[in-house]
C-alpha atoms as a PDB file:
ATOM      1  CA  MET A   1      11.460 -54.189 -49.681  1.00  0.00           C
ATOM      2  CA  CYS A   2      12.089 -51.832 -46.794  1.00  0.00           C
ATOM      3  CA  THR A   3      10.750 -48.323 -47.360  1.00  0.00           C
ATOM      4  CA  PHE A   4      11.458 -46.994 -43.870  1.00  0.00           C
ATOM      5  CA  ALA A   5      14.095 -48.307 -41.520  1.00  0.00           C
ATOM      6  CA  ALA A   6      13.917 -47.540 -37.816  1.00  0.00           C
ATOM      7  CA  SER A   7      16.401 -49.327 -35.568  1.00  0.00           C
ATOM      8  CA  LYS A   8      16.538 -52.907 -36.797  1.00  0.00           C
ATOM      9  CA  LYS A   9      12.896 -53.098 -37.854  1.00  0.00           C
ATOM     10  CA  CYS A  10      11.522 -52.472 -41.306  1.00  0.00           C
ATOM     11  CA  LEU A  11       8.215 -50.675 -41.655  1.00  0.00           C
ATOM     12  CA  THR A  12       6.477 -50.617 -45.013  1.00  0.00           C
ATOM     13  CA  LEU A  13       4.268 -47.585 -45.435  1.00  0.00           C
ATOM     14  CA  LYS A  14       1.295 -48.133 -47.706  1.00  0.00           C
ATOM     15  CA  PHE A  15      -0.870 -45.251 -48.842  1.00  0.00           C
ATOM     16  CA  THR A  16      -2.578 -44.016 -51.941  1.00  0.00           C
ATOM     17  CA  ILE A  17      -2.158 -40.629 -53.526  1.00  0.00           C
ATOM     18  CA  MET A  18      -5.248 -38.924 -54.907  1.00  0.00           C
ATOM     19  CA  ASN A  19      -4.630 -36.422 -57.694  1.00  0.00           C
ATOM     20  CA  LYS A  20      -6.669 -33.276 -58.325  1.00  0.00           C
ATOM     21  CA  SER A  21      -9.065 -34.792 -60.886  1.00  0.00           C
ATOM     22  CA  GLU A  22      -9.745 -37.807 -58.642  1.00  0.00           C
ATOM     23  CA  LEU A  23     -10.431 -35.491 -55.710  1.00  0.00           C
ATOM     24  CA  ILE A  24     -12.836 -33.388 -57.790  1.00  0.00           C
ATOM     25  CA  ALA A  25     -14.632 -36.544 -58.974  1.00  0.00           C
ATOM     26  CA  ALA A  26     -14.975 -37.755 -55.368  1.00  0.00           C
ATOM     27  CA  ILE A  27     -16.337 -34.373 -54.242  1.00  0.00           C
ATOM     28  CA  ALA A  28     -18.829 -34.376 -57.124  1.00  0.00           C
ATOM     29  CA  GLU A  29     -20.018 -37.856 -56.197  1.00  0.00           C
ATOM     30  CA  LYS A  30     -20.358 -37.158 -52.448  1.00  0.00           C
ATOM     31  CA  ALA A  31     -22.101 -33.799 -52.968  1.00  0.00           C
ATOM     32  CA  GLU A  32     -24.256 -35.123 -55.825  1.00  0.00           C
ATOM     33  CA  MET A  33     -23.130 -32.390 -58.197  1.00  0.00           C
ATOM     34  CA  THR A  34     -21.476 -32.285 -61.595  1.00  0.00           C
ATOM     35  CA  LYS A  35     -17.722 -32.489 -61.947  1.00  0.00           C
ATOM     36  CA  VAL A  36     -17.735 -28.994 -63.468  1.00  0.00           C
ATOM     37  CA  ASP A  37     -19.478 -27.534 -60.405  1.00  0.00           C
ATOM     38  CA  ALA A  38     -17.184 -29.481 -58.065  1.00  0.00           C
ATOM     39  CA  ALA A  39     -14.150 -28.169 -59.972  1.00  0.00           C
ATOM     40  CA  LYS A  40     -15.430 -24.581 -59.596  1.00  0.00           C
ATOM     41  CA  ALA A  41     -15.951 -25.074 -55.858  1.00  0.00           C
ATOM     42  CA  PHE A  42     -12.503 -26.639 -55.467  1.00  0.00           C
ATOM     43  CA  LYS A  43     -10.865 -23.799 -57.406  1.00  0.00           C
ATOM     44  CA  ALA A  44     -12.664 -21.232 -55.230  1.00  0.00           C
ATOM     45  CA  LEU A  45     -11.506 -23.038 -52.079  1.00  0.00           C
ATOM     46  CA  LEU A  46      -7.887 -22.934 -53.251  1.00  0.00           C
ATOM     47  CA  GLU A  47      -8.115 -19.231 -54.160  1.00  0.00           C
ATOM     48  CA  VAL A  48      -9.614 -18.276 -50.783  1.00  0.00           C
ATOM     49  CA  THR A  49      -6.977 -20.351 -48.983  1.00  0.00           C
ATOM     50  CA  LYS A  50      -4.133 -18.681 -50.917  1.00  0.00           C
ATOM     51  CA  GLU A  51      -5.558 -15.212 -50.205  1.00  0.00           C
ATOM     52  CA  GLU A  52      -5.947 -15.902 -46.494  1.00  0.00           C
ATOM     53  CA  MET A  53      -2.492 -17.448 -46.167  1.00  0.00           C
ATOM     54  CA  GLY A  54      -1.007 -14.396 -47.888  1.00  0.00           C
ATOM     55  CA  LYS A  55      -2.246 -12.156 -45.077  1.00  0.00           C
ATOM     56  CA  LYS A  56      -0.120 -11.492 -42.024  1.00  0.00           C
ATOM     57  CA  ASP A  57      -0.915 -14.210 -39.484  1.00  0.00           C
ATOM     58  CA  GLY A  58      -3.347 -15.807 -41.936  1.00  0.00           C
ATOM     59  CA  ARG A  59      -4.949 -18.940 -40.539  1.00  0.00           C
ATOM     60  CA  ILE A  60      -7.897 -21.099 -41.521  1.00  0.00           C
ATOM     61  CA  SER A  61      -9.401 -23.313 -38.822  1.00  0.00           C
ATOM     62  CA  ILE A  62     -12.057 -25.893 -39.609  1.00  0.00           C
ATOM     63  CA  ILE A  63     -13.520 -27.427 -36.462  1.00  0.00           C
ATOM     64  CA  GLY A  64     -13.326 -31.210 -36.553  1.00  0.00           C
ATOM     65  CA  PHE A  65     -10.778 -31.170 -39.389  1.00  0.00           C
ATOM     66  CA  GLY A  66      -7.767 -28.984 -38.623  1.00  0.00           C
ATOM     67  CA  SER A  67      -5.951 -25.708 -39.182  1.00  0.00           C
ATOM     68  CA  PHE A  68      -3.951 -24.355 -42.115  1.00  0.00           C
ATOM     69  CA  TYR A  69      -1.357 -21.704 -41.293  1.00  0.00           C
ATOM     70  CA  MET A  70       1.912 -20.117 -42.360  1.00  0.00           C
ATOM     71  CA  GLN A  71       5.005 -20.379 -40.213  1.00  0.00           C
ATOM     72  CA  GLU A  72       8.270 -18.472 -40.497  1.00  0.00           C
ATOM     73  CA  ARG A  73      11.320 -20.715 -40.663  1.00  0.00           C
ATOM     74  CA  PRO A  74      14.392 -18.753 -39.473  1.00  0.00           C
ATOM     75  CA  LYS A  75      17.671 -18.645 -41.348  1.00  0.00           C
ATOM     76  CA  ARG A  76      20.104 -21.325 -40.290  1.00  0.00           C
ATOM     77  CA  ASN A  77      23.547 -22.684 -40.954  1.00  0.00           C
ATOM     78  CA  GLY A  78      23.913 -25.763 -43.103  1.00  0.00           C
ATOM     79  CA  LYS A  79      26.295 -27.375 -45.523  1.00  0.00           C
ATOM     80  CA  ASN A  80      26.156 -28.172 -49.181  1.00  0.00           C
ATOM     81  CA  PRO A  81      25.852 -31.967 -49.382  1.00  0.00           C
ATOM     82  CA  ARG A  82      27.697 -32.080 -52.701  1.00  0.00           C
ATOM     83  CA  THR A  83      30.707 -29.953 -51.783  1.00  0.00           C
ATOM     84  CA  GLY A  84      30.635 -30.017 -47.975  1.00  0.00           C
ATOM     85  CA  LYS A  85      31.016 -26.212 -47.809  1.00  0.00           C
ATOM     86  CA  LYS A  86      29.235 -24.336 -45.032  1.00  0.00           C
ATOM     87  CA  MET A  87      26.395 -22.093 -46.167  1.00  0.00           C
ATOM     88  CA  VAL A  88      23.542 -20.023 -44.777  1.00  0.00           C
ATOM     89  CA  ILE A  89      20.063 -21.318 -45.560  1.00  0.00           C
ATOM     90  CA  PRO A  90      17.796 -18.251 -45.845  1.00  0.00           C
ATOM     91  CA  ALA A  91      14.630 -17.712 -43.813  1.00  0.00           C
ATOM     92  CA  LYS A  92      11.350 -18.573 -45.503  1.00  0.00           C
ATOM     93  CA  LYS A  93       7.662 -19.042 -44.872  1.00  0.00           C
ATOM     94  CA  VAL A  94       6.232 -22.550 -44.964  1.00  0.00           C
ATOM     95  CA  PHE A  95       2.620 -23.708 -45.257  1.00  0.00           C
ATOM     96  CA  LYS A  96       1.546 -26.067 -42.482  1.00  0.00           C
ATOM     97  CA  PHE A  97      -1.485 -28.135 -41.528  1.00  0.00           C
ATOM     98  CA  LYS A  98      -2.308 -29.404 -38.069  1.00  0.00           C
ATOM     99  CA  ALA A  99      -5.086 -31.989 -37.802  1.00  0.00           C
ATOM    100  CA  SER A 100      -7.647 -31.518 -35.044  1.00  0.00           C
ATOM    101  CA  LYS A 101      -7.884 -34.046 -32.228  1.00  0.00           C
ATOM    102  CA  ALA A 102     -11.298 -35.125 -33.540  1.00  0.00           C
ATOM    103  CA  PHE A 103      -9.813 -35.940 -36.949  1.00  0.00           C
END
């Protein structure tokens, strides 16, 4: 089965998706801590990230890993795929991640 077609070639992308509980379990195992403590640390990380990204020009850079930042996407013209009518897509902020070169 072809999951991604580029030109005449078919590239099958294989990857696994780790959910939140699996990630917390992996953190607990690597850090040799309980799942409860790992869950608290993970929750704190998410809260700090949300707070920082909410600030104007909020950015979190982790050397050797990458940077998390918000970017403004300007309004643009588009069309409704169902009806074909032209419409204006409003501006919005999007959350982005850029991996470091060392990653």
